[in-house]
Amino acid sequence: MKYLFVVLALVIFSCQNDQNRYRLDQEKMAEILVDIHLDEVKISRMEIISPDTNLLLYHQLEKATLKKHAIDSASFVKSFDSYVREPKDFIKLYERVNEIMKDRKKLNESSHR
């Protein structure tokens, strides 16, 4: 019975490591998420009534953002899922996303002066 617990613990531990193996580093993931959120803002400002059109535009912009960052959608989803499964890492990730957004806002404001 002891061996069963040891084997089960090893399997669980190896699965967790396998999930994190595909995780993008925090900085790259944060940069991608910032761009995706900015894409969402662009779409919401267009005031398009049709949800289907909004979704279509979102997918096109997301595809372009992932291409810009040289990552495929499956890798992005696996990485995002990995962060979601680790709440502390997810919070740190979004703290970084917020920092980048603030920095970009300051840069944008200073360039318009």
PDB file of N, CA and C in Angstrom:
ATOM      1  N   MET A   1       0.823  -1.198   0.000  1.00  0.00           N
ATOM      2  CA  MET A   1       0.000   0.000   0.000  1.00  0.00           C
ATOM      3  C   MET A   1       0.868   1.264   0.000  1.00  0.00           C
ATOM      4  N   LYS A   2       2.005   1.210   0.724  1.00  0.00           N
ATOM      5  CA  LYS A   2       2.912   2.364   0.756  1.00  0.00           C
ATOM      6  C   LYS A   2       3.420   2.686  -0.642  1.00  0.00           C
ATOM      7  N   TYR A   3       3.714   1.633  -1.375  1.00  0.00           N
ATOM      8  CA  TYR A   3       4.261   1.840  -2.720  1.00  0.00           C
ATOM      9  C   TYR A   3       3.246   2.504  -3.649  1.00  0.00           C
ATOM     10  N   LEU A   4       1.998   2.189  -3.445  1.00  0.00           N
ATOM     11  CA  LEU A   4       0.938   2.787  -4.252  1.00  0.00           C
ATOM     12  C   LEU A   4       0.919   4.308  -4.047  1.00  0.00           C
ATOM     13  N   PHE A   5       1.049   4.743  -2.804  1.00  0.00           N
ATOM     14  CA  PHE A   5       1.065   6.178  -2.531  1.00  0.00           C
ATOM     15  C   PHE A   5       2.291   6.847  -3.130  1.00  0.00           C
ATOM     16  N   VAL A   6       3.437   6.186  -3.075  1.00  0.00           N
ATOM     17  CA  VAL A   6       4.664   6.737  -3.639  1.00  0.00           C
ATOM     18  C   VAL A   6       4.526   6.870  -5.156  1.00  0.00           C
ATOM     19  N   VAL A   7       4.020   5.843  -5.796  1.00  0.00           N
ATOM     20  CA  VAL A   7       3.832   5.868  -7.250  1.00  0.00           C
ATOM     21  C   VAL A   7       2.817   6.950  -7.630  1.00  0.00           C
ATOM     22  N   LEU A   8       1.726   7.014  -6.888  1.00  0.00           N
ATOM     23  CA  LEU A   8       0.702   8.022  -7.167  1.00  0.00           C
ATOM     24  C   LEU A   8       1.281   9.438  -7.002  1.00  0.00           C
ATOM     25  N   ALA A   9       2.061   9.665  -5.972  1.00  0.00           N
ATOM     26  CA  ALA A   9       2.685  10.970  -5.748  1.00  0.00           C
ATOM     27  C   ALA A   9       3.637  11.313  -6.887  1.00  0.00           C
ATOM     28  N   LEU A  10       4.404  10.335  -7.352  1.00  0.00           N
ATOM     29  CA  LEU A  10       5.327  10.576  -8.464  1.00  0.00           C
ATOM     30  C   LEU A  10       4.575  10.916  -9.749  1.00  0.00           C
ATOM     31  N   VAL A  11       3.487  10.236  -9.992  1.00  0.00           N
ATOM     32  CA  VAL A  11       2.690  10.511 -11.190  1.00  0.00           C
ATOM     33  C   VAL A  11       2.118  11.923 -11.135  1.00  0.00           C
ATOM     34  N   ILE A  12       1.567  12.303  -9.993  1.00  0.00           N
ATOM     35  CA  ILE A  12       1.001  13.652  -9.842  1.00  0.00           C
ATOM     36  C   ILE A  12       2.091  14.696 -10.005  1.00  0.00           C
ATOM     37  N   PHE A  13       3.237  14.481  -9.379  1.00  0.00           N
ATOM     38  CA  PHE A  13       4.343  15.432  -9.472  1.00  0.00           C
ATOM     39  C   PHE A  13       4.844  15.556 -10.903  1.00  0.00           C
ATOM     40  N   SER A  14       4.965  14.441 -11.602  1.00  0.00           N
ATOM     41  CA  SER A  14       5.460  14.491 -12.979  1.00  0.00           C
ATOM     42  C   SER A  14       4.464  15.188 -13.898  1.00  0.00           C
ATOM     43  N   CYS A  15       3.169  15.037 -13.651  1.00  0.00           N
ATOM     44  CA  CYS A  15       2.168  15.732 -14.460  1.00  0.00           C
ATOM     45  C   CYS A  15       2.250  17.234 -14.261  1.00  0.00           C
ATOM     46  N   GLN A  16       2.471  17.665 -13.027  1.00  0.00           N
ATOM     47  CA  GLN A  16       2.590  19.101 -12.764  1.00  0.00           C
ATOM     48  C   GLN A  16       3.816  19.670 -13.459  1.00  0.00           C
ATOM     49  N   ASN A  17       4.917  18.974 -13.426  1.00  0.00           N
ATOM     50  CA  ASN A  17       6.127  19.448 -14.097  1.00  0.00           C
ATOM     51  C   ASN A  17       5.928  19.488 -15.599  1.00  0.00           C
ATOM     52  N   ASP A  18       5.192  18.509 -16.132  1.00  0.00           N
ATOM     53  CA  ASP A  18       4.937  18.461 -17.566  1.00  0.00           C
ATOM     54  C   ASP A  18       4.138  19.678 -18.012  1.00  0.00           C
ATOM     55  N   GLN A  19       3.167  20.095 -17.195  1.00  0.00           N
ATOM     56  CA  GLN A  19       2.364  21.268 -17.544  1.00  0.00           C
ATOM     57  C   GLN A  19       3.232  22.524 -17.560  1.00  0.00           C
ATOM     58  N   ASN A  20       4.104  22.668 -16.591  1.00  0.00           N
ATOM     59  CA  ASN A  20       4.938  23.864 -16.507  1.00  0.00           C
ATOM     60  C   ASN A  20       6.046  23.871 -17.552  1.00  0.00           C
ATOM     61  N   ARG A  21       6.364  22.740 -18.109  1.00  0.00           N
ATOM     62  CA  ARG A  21       7.408  22.664 -19.128  1.00  0.00           C
ATOM     63  C   ARG A  21       7.027  23.481 -20.359  1.00  0.00           C
ATOM     64  N   TYR A  22       5.754  23.553 -20.654  1.00  0.00           N
ATOM     65  CA  TYR A  22       5.284  24.267 -21.838  1.00  0.00           C
ATOM     66  C   TYR A  22       4.939  25.728 -21.547  1.00  0.00           C
ATOM     67  N   ARG A  23       5.157  26.144 -20.318  1.00  0.00           N
ATOM     68  CA  ARG A  23       4.797  27.501 -19.904  1.00  0.00           C
ATOM     69  C   ARG A  23       5.776  28.525 -20.477  1.00  0.00           C
ATOM     70  N   LEU A  24       5.213  29.588 -21.056  1.00  0.00           N
ATOM     71  CA  LEU A  24       6.031  30.705 -21.499  1.00  0.00           C
ATOM     72  C   LEU A  24       6.523  31.448 -20.258  1.00  0.00           C
ATOM     73  N   ASP A  25       7.691  32.079 -20.372  1.00  0.00           N
ATOM     74  CA  ASP A  25       8.166  32.826 -19.210  1.00  0.00           C
ATOM     75  C   ASP A  25       7.222  34.002 -18.964  1.00  0.00           C
ATOM     76  N   GLN A  26       7.224  34.467 -17.743  1.00  0.00           N
ATOM     77  CA  GLN A  26       6.265  35.483 -17.307  1.00  0.00           C
ATOM     78  C   GLN A  26       6.314  36.743 -18.163  1.00  0.00           C
ATOM     79  N   GLU A  27       7.490  37.210 -18.500  1.00  0.00           N
ATOM     80  CA  GLU A  27       7.610  38.457 -19.258  1.00  0.00           C
ATOM     81  C   GLU A  27       6.971  38.335 -20.645  1.00  0.00           C
ATOM     82  N   LYS A  28       7.279  37.238 -21.345  1.00  0.00           N
ATOM     83  CA  LYS A  28       6.715  37.049 -22.685  1.00  0.00           C
ATOM     84  C   LYS A  28       5.196  36.889 -22.604  1.00  0.00           C
ATOM     85  N   MET A  29       4.738  36.119 -21.638  1.00  0.00           N
ATOM     86  CA  MET A  29       3.298  35.908 -21.471  1.00  0.00           C
ATOM     87  C   MET A  29       2.604  37.228 -21.149  1.00  0.00           C
ATOM     88  N   ALA A  30       3.213  38.035 -20.309  1.00  0.00           N
ATOM     89  CA  ALA A  30       2.627  39.328 -19.949  1.00  0.00           C
ATOM     90  C   ALA A  30       2.539  40.243 -21.169  1.00  0.00           C
ATOM     91  N   GLU A  31       3.588  40.271 -21.979  1.00  0.00           N
ATOM     92  CA  GLU A  31       3.578  41.108 -23.191  1.00  0.00           C
ATOM     93  C   GLU A  31       2.460  40.677 -24.139  1.00  0.00           C
ATOM     94  N   ILE A  32       2.280  39.386 -24.296  1.00  0.00           N
ATOM     95  CA  ILE A  32       1.213  38.876 -25.170  1.00  0.00           C
ATOM     96  C   ILE A  32      -0.153  39.268 -24.620  1.00  0.00           C
ATOM     97  N   LEU A  33      -0.342  39.084 -23.316  1.00  0.00           N
ATOM     98  CA  LEU A  33      -1.632  39.420 -22.710  1.00  0.00           C
ATOM     99  C   LEU A  33      -1.939  40.911 -22.804  1.00  0.00           C
ATOM    100  N   VAL A  34      -0.931  41.735 -22.644  1.00  0.00           N
ATOM    101  CA  VAL A  34      -1.140  43.184 -22.798  1.00  0.00           C
ATOM    102  C   VAL A  34      -1.650  43.474 -24.201  1.00  0.00           C
ATOM    103  N   ASP A  35      -0.991  42.913 -25.196  1.00  0.00           N
ATOM    104  CA  ASP A  35      -1.417  43.144 -26.584  1.00  0.00           C
ATOM    105  C   ASP A  35      -2.832  42.624 -26.827  1.00  0.00           C
ATOM    106  N   ILE A  36      -3.161  41.485 -26.270  1.00  0.00           N
ATOM    107  CA  ILE A  36      -4.510  40.924 -26.433  1.00  0.00           C
ATOM    108  C   ILE A  36      -5.539  41.833 -25.772  1.00  0.00           C
ATOM    109  N   HIS A  37      -5.242  42.327 -24.577  1.00  0.00           N
ATOM    110  CA  HIS A  37      -6.184  43.222 -23.902  1.00  0.00           C
ATOM    111  C   HIS A  37      -6.338  44.543 -24.662  1.00  0.00           C
ATOM    112  N   LEU A  38      -5.254  45.022 -25.240  1.00  0.00           N
ATOM    113  CA  LEU A  38      -5.357  46.250 -26.048  1.00  0.00           C
ATOM    114  C   LEU A  38      -6.187  46.002 -27.306  1.00  0.00           C
ATOM    115  N   ASP A  39      -6.079  44.805 -27.863  1.00  0.00           N
ATOM    116  CA  ASP A  39      -6.930  44.440 -29.001  1.00  0.00           C
ATOM    117  C   ASP A  39      -8.405  44.465 -28.588  1.00  0.00           C
ATOM    118  N   GLU A  40      -8.686  43.964 -27.393  1.00  0.00           N
ATOM    119  CA  GLU A  40     -10.067  43.967 -26.900  1.00  0.00           C
ATOM    120  C   GLU A  40     -10.589  45.399 -26.765  1.00  0.00           C
ATOM    121  N   VAL A  41      -9.733  46.305 -26.313  1.00  0.00           N
ATOM    122  CA  VAL A  41     -10.124  47.711 -26.184  1.00  0.00           C
ATOM    123  C   VAL A  41     -10.439  48.299 -27.562  1.00  0.00           C
ATOM    124  N   LYS A  42      -9.588  47.978 -28.542  1.00  0.00           N
ATOM    125  CA  LYS A  42      -9.831  48.474 -29.903  1.00  0.00           C
ATOM    126  C   LYS A  42     -11.213  48.051 -30.397  1.00  0.00           C
ATOM    127  N   ILE A  43     -11.541  46.793 -30.175  1.00  0.00           N
ATOM    128  CA  ILE A  43     -12.826  46.269 -30.647  1.00  0.00           C
ATOM    129  C   ILE A  43     -13.980  46.932 -29.904  1.00  0.00           C
ATOM    130  N   SER A  44     -13.842  47.095 -28.602  1.00  0.00           N
ATOM    131  CA  SER A  44     -14.939  47.696 -27.840  1.00  0.00           C
ATOM    132  C   SER A  44     -15.165  49.149 -28.239  1.00  0.00           C
ATOM    133  N   ARG A  45     -14.114  49.850 -28.638  1.00  0.00           N
ATOM    134  CA  ARG A  45     -14.253  51.246 -29.067  1.00  0.00           C
ATOM    135  C   ARG A  45     -14.901  51.376 -30.446  1.00  0.00           C
ATOM    136  N   MET A  46     -14.917  50.298 -31.198  1.00  0.00           N
ATOM    137  CA  MET A  46     -15.546  50.336 -32.517  1.00  0.00           C
ATOM    138  C   MET A  46     -17.062  50.378 -32.419  1.00  0.00           C
ATOM    139  N   GLU A  47     -17.601  50.026 -31.279  1.00  0.00           N
ATOM    140  CA  GLU A  47     -19.045  50.036 -31.028  1.00  0.00           C
ATOM    141  C   GLU A  47     -19.829  49.253 -32.073  1.00  0.00           C
ATOM    142  N   ILE A  48     -19.336  48.103 -32.385  1.00  0.00           N
ATOM    143  CA  ILE A  48     -20.021  47.222 -33.337  1.00  0.00           C
ATOM    144  C   ILE A  48     -21.114  46.479 -32.583  1.00  0.00           C
ATOM    145  N   ILE A  49     -22.301  46.485 -33.124  1.00  0.00           N
ATOM    146  CA  ILE A  49     -23.456  45.901 -32.437  1.00  0.00           C
ATOM    147  C   ILE A  49     -23.442  44.373 -32.504  1.00  0.00           C
ATOM    148  N   SER A  50     -23.022  43.824 -33.599  1.00  0.00           N
ATOM    149  CA  SER A  50     -23.082  42.380 -33.807  1.00  0.00           C
ATOM    150  C   SER A  50     -22.016  41.636 -32.987  1.00  0.00           C
ATOM    151  N   PRO A  51     -22.442  40.741 -32.099  1.00  0.00           N
ATOM    152  CA  PRO A  51     -21.467  39.950 -31.331  1.00  0.00           C
ATOM    153  C   PRO A  51     -20.631  39.040 -32.234  1.00  0.00           C
ATOM    154  N   ASP A  52     -21.231  38.576 -33.326  1.00  0.00           N
ATOM    155  CA  ASP A  52     -20.494  37.721 -34.252  1.00  0.00           C
ATOM    156  C   ASP A  52     -19.335  38.480 -34.901  1.00  0.00           C
ATOM    157  N   THR A  53     -19.592  39.709 -35.280  1.00  0.00           N
ATOM    158  CA  THR A  53     -18.543  40.536 -35.885  1.00  0.00           C
ATOM    159  C   THR A  53     -17.454  40.832 -34.868  1.00  0.00           C
ATOM    160  N   ASN A  54     -17.855  41.141 -33.633  1.00  0.00           N
ATOM    161  CA  ASN A  54     -16.870  41.379 -32.573  1.00  0.00           C
ATOM    162  C   ASN A  54     -15.970  40.166 -32.379  1.00  0.00           C
ATOM    163  N   LEU A  55     -16.579  38.997 -32.340  1.00  0.00           N
ATOM    164  CA  LEU A  55     -15.818  37.764 -32.144  1.00  0.00           C
ATOM    165  C   LEU A  55     -14.869  37.510 -33.314  1.00  0.00           C
ATOM    166  N   LEU A  56     -15.354  37.735 -34.510  1.00  0.00           N
ATOM    167  CA  LEU A  56     -14.528  37.560 -35.700  1.00  0.00           C
ATOM    168  C   LEU A  56     -13.328  38.503 -35.672  1.00  0.00           C
ATOM    169  N   LEU A  57     -13.576  39.766 -35.349  1.00  0.00           N
ATOM    170  CA  LEU A  57     -12.486  40.740 -35.250  1.00  0.00           C
ATOM    171  C   LEU A  57     -11.498  40.356 -34.151  1.00  0.00           C
ATOM    172  N   TYR A  58     -12.031  39.929 -33.018  1.00  0.00           N
ATOM    173  CA  TYR A  58     -11.170  39.518 -31.911  1.00  0.00           C
ATOM    174  C   TYR A  58     -10.242  38.382 -32.337  1.00  0.00           C
ATOM    175  N   HIS A  59     -10.792  37.385 -32.994  1.00  0.00           N
ATOM    176  CA  HIS A  59      -9.972  36.244 -33.432  1.00  0.00           C
ATOM    177  C   HIS A  59      -8.892  36.676 -34.430  1.00  0.00           C
ATOM    178  N   GLN A  60      -9.247  37.584 -35.315  1.00  0.00           N
ATOM    179  CA  GLN A  60      -8.257  38.081 -36.281  1.00  0.00           C
ATOM    180  C   GLN A  60      -7.129  38.839 -35.566  1.00  0.00           C
ATOM    181  N   LEU A  61      -7.492  39.707 -34.630  1.00  0.00           N
ATOM    182  CA  LEU A  61      -6.474  40.469 -33.899  1.00  0.00           C
ATOM    183  C   LEU A  61      -5.625  39.561 -33.009  1.00  0.00           C
ATOM    184  N   GLU A  62      -6.271  38.580 -32.379  1.00  0.00           N
ATOM    185  CA  GLU A  62      -5.526  37.641 -31.537  1.00  0.00           C
ATOM    186  C   GLU A  62      -4.525  36.847 -32.380  1.00  0.00           C
ATOM    187  N   LYS A  63      -4.959  36.407 -33.538  1.00  0.00           N
ATOM    188  CA  LYS A  63      -4.092  35.663 -34.454  1.00  0.00           C
ATOM    189  C   LYS A  63      -2.876  36.513 -34.845  1.00  0.00           C
ATOM    190  N   ALA A  64      -3.110  37.784 -35.154  1.00  0.00           N
ATOM    191  CA  ALA A  64      -2.018  38.696 -35.522  1.00  0.00           C
ATOM    192  C   ALA A  64      -1.081  38.938 -34.336  1.00  0.00           C
ATOM    193  N   THR A  65      -1.645  39.050 -33.147  1.00  0.00           N
ATOM    194  CA  THR A  65      -0.827  39.262 -31.941  1.00  0.00           C
ATOM    195  C   THR A  65       0.062  38.058 -31.670  1.00  0.00           C
ATOM    196  N   LEU A  66      -0.495  36.866 -31.773  1.00  0.00           N
ATOM    197  CA  LEU A  66       0.306  35.661 -31.539  1.00  0.00           C
ATOM    198  C   LEU A  66       1.392  35.525 -32.601  1.00  0.00           C
ATOM    199  N   LYS A  67       1.074  35.877 -33.837  1.00  0.00           N
ATOM    200  CA  LYS A  67       2.074  35.835 -34.909  1.00  0.00           C
ATOM    201  C   LYS A  67       3.194  36.842 -34.623  1.00  0.00           C
ATOM    202  N   LYS A  68       2.822  38.028 -34.164  1.00  0.00           N
ATOM    203  CA  LYS A  68       3.795  39.066 -33.809  1.00  0.00           C
ATOM    204  C   LYS A  68       4.785  38.551 -32.752  1.00  0.00           C
ATOM    205  N   HIS A  69       4.275  37.769 -31.810  1.00  0.00           N
ATOM    206  CA  HIS A  69       5.107  37.236 -30.725  1.00  0.00           C
ATOM    207  C   HIS A  69       5.698  35.862 -31.065  1.00  0.00           C
ATOM    208  N   ALA A  70       5.481  35.415 -32.279  1.00  0.00           N
ATOM    209  CA  ALA A  70       6.027  34.144 -32.775  1.00  0.00           C
ATOM    210  C   ALA A  70       5.631  32.960 -31.885  1.00  0.00           C
ATOM    211  N   ILE A  71       4.335  32.859 -31.622  1.00  0.00           N
ATOM    212  CA  ILE A  71       3.827  31.744 -30.825  1.00  0.00           C
ATOM    213  C   ILE A  71       2.514  31.254 -31.428  1.00  0.00           C
ATOM    214  N   ASP A  72       2.310  29.963 -31.382  1.00  0.00           N
ATOM    215  CA  ASP A  72       1.064  29.414 -31.917  1.00  0.00           C
ATOM    216  C   ASP A  72      -0.011  29.403 -30.824  1.00  0.00           C
ATOM    217  N   SER A  73      -1.248  29.318 -31.243  1.00  0.00           N
ATOM    218  CA  SER A  73      -2.364  29.416 -30.298  1.00  0.00           C
ATOM    219  C   SER A  73      -2.383  28.260 -29.295  1.00  0.00           C
ATOM    220  N   ALA A  74      -1.990  27.072 -29.710  1.00  0.00           N
ATOM    221  CA  ALA A  74      -1.980  25.932 -28.790  1.00  0.00           C
ATOM    222  C   ALA A  74      -0.971  26.154 -27.660  1.00  0.00           C
ATOM    223  N   SER A  75       0.195  26.666 -27.994  1.00  0.00           N
ATOM    224  CA  SER A  75       1.205  26.944 -26.968  1.00  0.00           C
ATOM    225  C   SER A  75       0.729  28.035 -26.018  1.00  0.00           C
ATOM    226  N   PHE A  76       0.066  29.044 -26.573  1.00  0.00           N
ATOM    227  CA  PHE A  76      -0.461  30.116 -25.738  1.00  0.00           C
ATOM    228  C   PHE A  76      -1.505  29.575 -24.765  1.00  0.00           C
ATOM    229  N   VAL A  77      -2.421  28.766 -25.264  1.00  0.00           N
ATOM    230  CA  VAL A  77      -3.485  28.212 -24.422  1.00  0.00           C
ATOM    231  C   VAL A  77      -2.899  27.318 -23.336  1.00  0.00           C
ATOM    232  N   LYS A  78      -1.948  26.457 -23.688  1.00  0.00           N
ATOM    233  CA  LYS A  78      -1.311  25.584 -22.686  1.00  0.00           C
ATOM    234  C   LYS A  78      -0.610  26.416 -21.625  1.00  0.00           C
ATOM    235  N   SER A  79       0.074  27.446 -22.054  1.00  0.00           N
ATOM    236  CA  SER A  79       0.790  28.296 -21.120  1.00  0.00           C
ATOM    237  C   SER A  79      -0.183  29.046 -20.209  1.00  0.00           C
ATOM    238  N   PHE A  80      -1.219  29.613 -20.793  1.00  0.00           N
ATOM    239  CA  PHE A  80      -2.215  30.336 -20.003  1.00  0.00           C
ATOM    240  C   PHE A  80      -2.858  29.397 -18.993  1.00  0.00           C
ATOM    241  N   ASP A  81      -3.206  28.198 -19.426  1.00  0.00           N
ATOM    242  CA  ASP A  81      -3.808  27.202 -18.543  1.00  0.00           C
ATOM    243  C   ASP A  81      -2.856  26.871 -17.387  1.00  0.00           C
ATOM    244  N   SER A  82      -1.583  26.789 -17.673  1.00  0.00           N
ATOM    245  CA  SER A  82      -0.591  26.501 -16.649  1.00  0.00           C
ATOM    246  C   SER A  82      -0.564  27.604 -15.585  1.00  0.00           C
ATOM    247  N   TYR A  83      -0.658  28.854 -16.016  1.00  0.00           N
ATOM    248  CA  TYR A  83      -0.691  29.966 -15.058  1.00  0.00           C
ATOM    249  C   TYR A  83      -1.986  29.954 -14.245  1.00  0.00           C
ATOM    250  N   VAL A  84      -3.105  29.645 -14.879  1.00  0.00           N
ATOM    251  CA  VAL A  84      -4.390  29.616 -14.191  1.00  0.00           C
ATOM    252  C   VAL A  84      -4.385  28.559 -13.087  1.00  0.00           C
ATOM    253  N   ARG A  85      -3.709  27.465 -13.329  1.00  0.00           N
ATOM    254  CA  ARG A  85      -3.664  26.374 -12.337  1.00  0.00           C
ATOM    255  C   ARG A  85      -2.800  26.714 -11.118  1.00  0.00           C
ATOM    256  N   GLU A  86      -1.996  27.750 -11.230  1.00  0.00           N
ATOM    257  CA  GLU A  86      -1.137  28.183 -10.121  1.00  0.00           C
ATOM    258  C   GLU A  86      -1.517  29.616  -9.754  1.00  0.00           C
ATOM    259  N   PRO A  87      -2.464  29.804  -8.843  1.00  0.00           N
ATOM    260  CA  PRO A  87      -2.980  31.145  -8.550  1.00  0.00           C
ATOM    261  C   PRO A  87      -1.899  32.181  -8.193  1.00  0.00           C
ATOM    262  N   LYS A  88      -0.886  31.794  -7.446  1.00  0.00           N
ATOM    263  CA  LYS A  88       0.173  32.758  -7.093  1.00  0.00           C
ATOM    264  C   LYS A  88       0.904  33.234  -8.346  1.00  0.00           C
ATOM    265  N   ASP A  89       1.193  32.311  -9.246  1.00  0.00           N
ATOM    266  CA  ASP A  89       1.860  32.668 -10.507  1.00  0.00           C
ATOM    267  C   ASP A  89       0.950  33.532 -11.377  1.00  0.00           C
ATOM    268  N   PHE A  90      -0.339  33.205 -11.371  1.00  0.00           N
ATOM    269  CA  PHE A  90      -1.308  33.961 -12.168  1.00  0.00           C
ATOM    270  C   PHE A  90      -1.408  35.400 -11.658  1.00  0.00           C
ATOM    271  N   ILE A  91      -1.426  35.570 -10.354  1.00  0.00           N
ATOM    272  CA  ILE A  91      -1.483  36.914  -9.773  1.00  0.00           C
ATOM    273  C   ILE A  91      -0.221  37.693 -10.125  1.00  0.00           C
ATOM    274  N   LYS A  92       0.932  37.055 -10.025  1.00  0.00           N
ATOM    275  CA  LYS A  92       2.190  37.719 -10.393  1.00  0.00           C
ATOM    276  C   LYS A  92       2.188  38.107 -11.873  1.00  0.00           C
ATOM    277  N   LEU A  93       1.668  37.214 -12.699  1.00  0.00           N
ATOM    278  CA  LEU A  93       1.590  37.483 -14.131  1.00  0.00           C
ATOM    279  C   LEU A  93       0.755  38.731 -14.390  1.00  0.00           C
ATOM    280  N   TYR A  94      -0.411  38.814 -13.767  1.00  0.00           N
ATOM    281  CA  TYR A  94      -1.276  39.972 -14.020  1.00  0.00           C
ATOM    282  C   TYR A  94      -0.782  41.246 -13.330  1.00  0.00           C
ATOM    283  N   GLU A  95      -0.001  41.108 -12.289  1.00  0.00           N
ATOM    284  CA  GLU A  95       0.666  42.291 -11.728  1.00  0.00           C
ATOM    285  C   GLU A  95       1.630  42.851 -12.764  1.00  0.00           C
ATOM    286  N   ARG A  96       2.349  41.952 -13.448  1.00  0.00           N
ATOM    287  CA  ARG A  96       3.274  42.386 -14.499  1.00  0.00           C
ATOM    288  C   ARG A  96       2.509  42.982 -15.688  1.00  0.00           C
ATOM    289  N   VAL A  97       1.385  42.376 -16.049  1.00  0.00           N
ATOM    290  CA  VAL A  97       0.550  42.907 -17.129  1.00  0.00           C
ATOM    291  C   VAL A  97       0.150  44.344 -16.792  1.00  0.00           C
ATOM    292  N   ASN A  98      -0.283  44.574 -15.558  1.00  0.00           N
ATOM    293  CA  ASN A  98      -0.684  45.926 -15.143  1.00  0.00           C
ATOM    294  C   ASN A  98       0.487  46.902 -15.190  1.00  0.00           C
ATOM    295  N   GLU A  99       1.671  46.467 -14.793  1.00  0.00           N
ATOM    296  CA  GLU A  99       2.858  47.328 -14.853  1.00  0.00           C
ATOM    297  C   GLU A  99       3.162  47.735 -16.299  1.00  0.00           C
ATOM    298  N   ILE A 100       3.110  46.774 -17.190  1.00  0.00           N
ATOM    299  CA  ILE A 100       3.387  47.053 -18.605  1.00  0.00           C
ATOM    300  C   ILE A 100       2.344  48.018 -19.158  1.00  0.00           C
ATOM    301  N   MET A 101       1.080  47.812 -18.797  1.00  0.00           N
ATOM    302  CA  MET A 101       0.008  48.708 -19.266  1.00  0.00           C
ATOM    303  C   MET A 101       0.262  50.140 -18.773  1.00  0.00           C
ATOM    304  N   LYS A 102       0.650  50.282 -17.511  1.00  0.00           N
ATOM    305  CA  LYS A 102       0.933  51.615 -16.961  1.00  0.00           C
ATOM    306  C   LYS A 102       2.115  52.249 -17.685  1.00  0.00           C
ATOM    307  N   ASP A 103       3.157  51.458 -17.928  1.00  0.00           N
ATOM    308  CA  ASP A 103       4.332  51.980 -18.637  1.00  0.00           C
ATOM    309  C   ASP A 103       3.970  52.429 -20.048  1.00  0.00           C
ATOM    310  N   ARG A 104       3.172  51.637 -20.741  1.00  0.00           N
ATOM    311  CA  ARG A 104       2.768  51.999 -22.110  1.00  0.00           C
ATOM    312  C   ARG A 104       1.894  53.253 -22.110  1.00  0.00           C
ATOM    313  N   LYS A 105       1.045  53.381 -21.086  1.00  0.00           N
ATOM    314  CA  LYS A 105       0.188  54.560 -20.995  1.00  0.00           C
ATOM    315  C   LYS A 105       1.045  55.806 -20.787  1.00  0.00           C
ATOM    316  N   LYS A 106       2.032  55.717 -19.897  1.00  0.00           N
ATOM    317  CA  LYS A 106       2.929  56.853 -19.665  1.00  0.00           C
ATOM    318  C   LYS A 106       3.694  57.209 -20.931  1.00  0.00           C
ATOM    319  N   LEU A 107       4.183  56.202 -21.624  1.00  0.00           N
ATOM    320  CA  LEU A 107       4.917  56.429 -22.862  1.00  0.00           C
ATOM    321  C   LEU A 107       4.027  57.087 -23.910  1.00  0.00           C
ATOM    322  N   ASN A 108       2.811  56.618 -24.021  1.00  0.00           N
ATOM    323  CA  ASN A 108       1.860  57.175 -24.976  1.00  0.00           C
ATOM    324  C   ASN A 108       1.513  58.628 -24.629  1.00  0.00           C
ATOM    325  N   GLU A 109       1.320  58.903 -23.345  1.00  0.00           N
ATOM    326  CA  GLU A 109       1.002  60.276 -22.912  1.00  0.00           C
ATOM    327  C   GLU A 109       2.177  61.208 -23.163  1.00  0.00           C
ATOM    328  N   SER A 110       3.383  60.750 -22.921  1.00  0.00           N
ATOM    329  CA  SER A 110       4.550  61.611 -23.113  1.00  0.00           C
ATOM    330  C   SER A 110       4.840  61.860 -24.600  1.00  0.00           C
ATOM    331  N   SER A 111       4.468  60.929 -25.452  1.00  0.00           N
ATOM    332  CA  SER A 111       4.697  61.110 -26.883  1.00  0.00           C
ATOM    333  C   SER A 111       3.665  62.042 -27.512  1.00  0.00           C
ATOM    334  N   HIS A 112       2.554  62.275 -26.851  1.00  0.00           N
ATOM    335  CA  HIS A 112       1.522  63.166 -27.371  1.00  0.00           C
ATOM    336  C   HIS A 112       1.680  64.609 -26.888  1.00  0.00           C
ATOM    337  N   ARG A 113       2.701  64.850 -26.114  1.00  0.00           N
ATOM    338  CA  ARG A 113       2.906  66.229 -25.611  1.00  0.00           C
ATOM    339  C   ARG A 113       3.720  67.047 -26.541  1.00  0.00           C
TER     340      ARG A 113
END
